[in-house]
Amino acid sequence: MNLVHSIPEACALVRAGRTALYQAINSGELVAHKRGKRTLIFASDLQRWLDSLPQIEVKHHVDREAASGTVQATSRASAERKGIS
């Protein structure tokens, strides 16, 4: 793994666009360095930024087997109400 990444390399690594990276840099969330005209990001800073991103919270877990049983039971009940067997 490289110690330093250019903006295009960092974008490819983290599957993010240039705008997202520059927003993170400008907000201070991601540390970047300049070498002449090039903006460079240390691999350790890129990893730290990724680790700081919020985790997705699962709102609820649906058991697929239970859910399909509920759908089948609901369909049967609906059919019975309509007089369909």
Protein backbone atom coordinates (compact mmCIF):
# COMPACT_ATOMS: atom_id res chain seq x y z
CA MET A 1 0.00 0.00 0.00
CA ASN A 2 1.22 3.50 -0.80
CA LEU A 3 2.06 5.86 2.03
CA VAL A 4 0.65 8.86 0.14
CA HIS A 5 -2.22 9.27 -2.32
CA SER A 6 -3.13 11.96 -4.82
CA ILE A 7 -6.73 13.18 -4.88
CA PRO A 8 -7.67 10.92 -7.85
CA GLU A 9 -6.03 7.91 -6.16
CA ALA A 10 -7.79 8.62 -2.86
CA CYS A 11 -11.13 9.01 -4.67
CA ALA A 12 -10.67 5.62 -6.34
CA LEU A 13 -9.63 3.95 -3.09
CA VAL A 14 -12.59 5.14 -1.03
CA ARG A 15 -15.12 5.17 -3.89
CA ALA A 16 -15.89 8.86 -3.33
CA GLY A 17 -15.93 11.85 -5.63
CA ARG A 18 -13.52 14.78 -5.65
CA THR A 19 -16.17 17.05 -4.16
CA ALA A 20 -16.67 14.74 -1.16
CA LEU A 21 -12.93 14.60 -0.51
CA TYR A 22 -12.42 18.34 -0.85
CA GLN A 23 -15.41 18.97 1.44
CA ALA A 24 -13.83 16.70 4.05
CA ILE A 25 -10.51 18.49 3.63
CA ASN A 26 -12.06 21.98 3.87
CA SER A 27 -14.09 21.03 6.95
CA GLY A 28 -10.98 19.68 8.69
CA GLU A 29 -12.27 16.10 8.79
CA LEU A 30 -9.55 14.91 6.39
CA VAL A 31 -5.97 16.15 6.61
CA ALA A 32 -4.23 16.93 3.32
CA HIS A 33 -0.77 18.20 2.46
CA LYS A 34 0.62 20.18 -0.47
CA ARG A 35 3.74 19.31 -2.44
CA GLY A 36 4.03 22.02 -5.02
CA LYS A 37 0.68 22.13 -6.81
CA ARG A 38 -0.29 18.59 -5.83
CA THR A 39 -2.62 17.86 -2.94
CA LEU A 40 -1.55 14.69 -1.14
CA ILE A 41 -3.29 12.61 1.49
CA PHE A 42 -1.36 10.29 3.75
CA ALA A 43 -2.75 6.77 3.83
CA SER A 44 -3.02 6.96 7.62
CA ASP A 45 -5.10 10.16 7.40
CA LEU A 46 -7.36 8.60 4.77
CA GLN A 47 -7.88 5.55 7.00
CA ARG A 48 -8.58 7.77 10.02
CA TRP A 49 -11.19 9.72 8.01
CA LEU A 50 -12.89 6.50 6.88
CA ASP A 51 -12.93 5.20 10.45
CA SER A 52 -14.57 8.44 11.62
CA LEU A 53 -17.52 8.14 9.22
CA PRO A 54 -20.78 7.26 10.97
CA GLN A 55 -22.02 3.70 10.98
CA ILE A 56 -25.40 2.92 9.51
CA GLU A 57 -27.86 2.10 12.26
CA VAL A 58 -30.27 -0.70 11.48
CA LYS A 59 -33.79 0.56 12.14
CA HIS A 60 -35.35 -2.88 12.40
CA HIS A 61 -34.56 -6.41 11.40
CA VAL A 62 -37.15 -8.37 9.45
CA ASP A 63 -36.94 -12.13 9.60
CA ARG A 64 -37.51 -13.17 5.97
CA GLU A 65 -39.22 -16.45 6.83
CA ALA A 66 -41.55 -14.82 9.33
CA ALA A 67 -42.27 -11.98 6.92
CA SER A 68 -43.17 -14.34 4.07
CA GLY A 69 -45.42 -16.32 6.42
CA THR A 70 -47.15 -13.09 7.42
CA VAL A 71 -47.69 -12.15 3.78
CA GLN A 72 -49.12 -15.58 2.99
CA ALA A 73 -51.41 -15.47 6.04
CA THR A 74 -52.57 -11.96 5.12
CA SER A 75 -53.27 -13.03 1.54
CA ARG A 76 -55.26 -16.06 2.76
CA ALA A 77 -57.28 -13.92 5.18
CA SER A 78 -57.98 -11.38 2.45
CA ALA A 79 -59.09 -14.13 0.06
CA GLU A 80 -61.37 -15.64 2.73
CA ARG A 81 -63.02 -12.26 3.32
CA LYS A 82 -63.69 -11.95 -0.40
CA GLY A 83 -65.12 -15.49 -0.50
CA ILE A 84 -62.27 -16.88 -2.56
CA SER A 85 -60.84 -20.21 -1.47
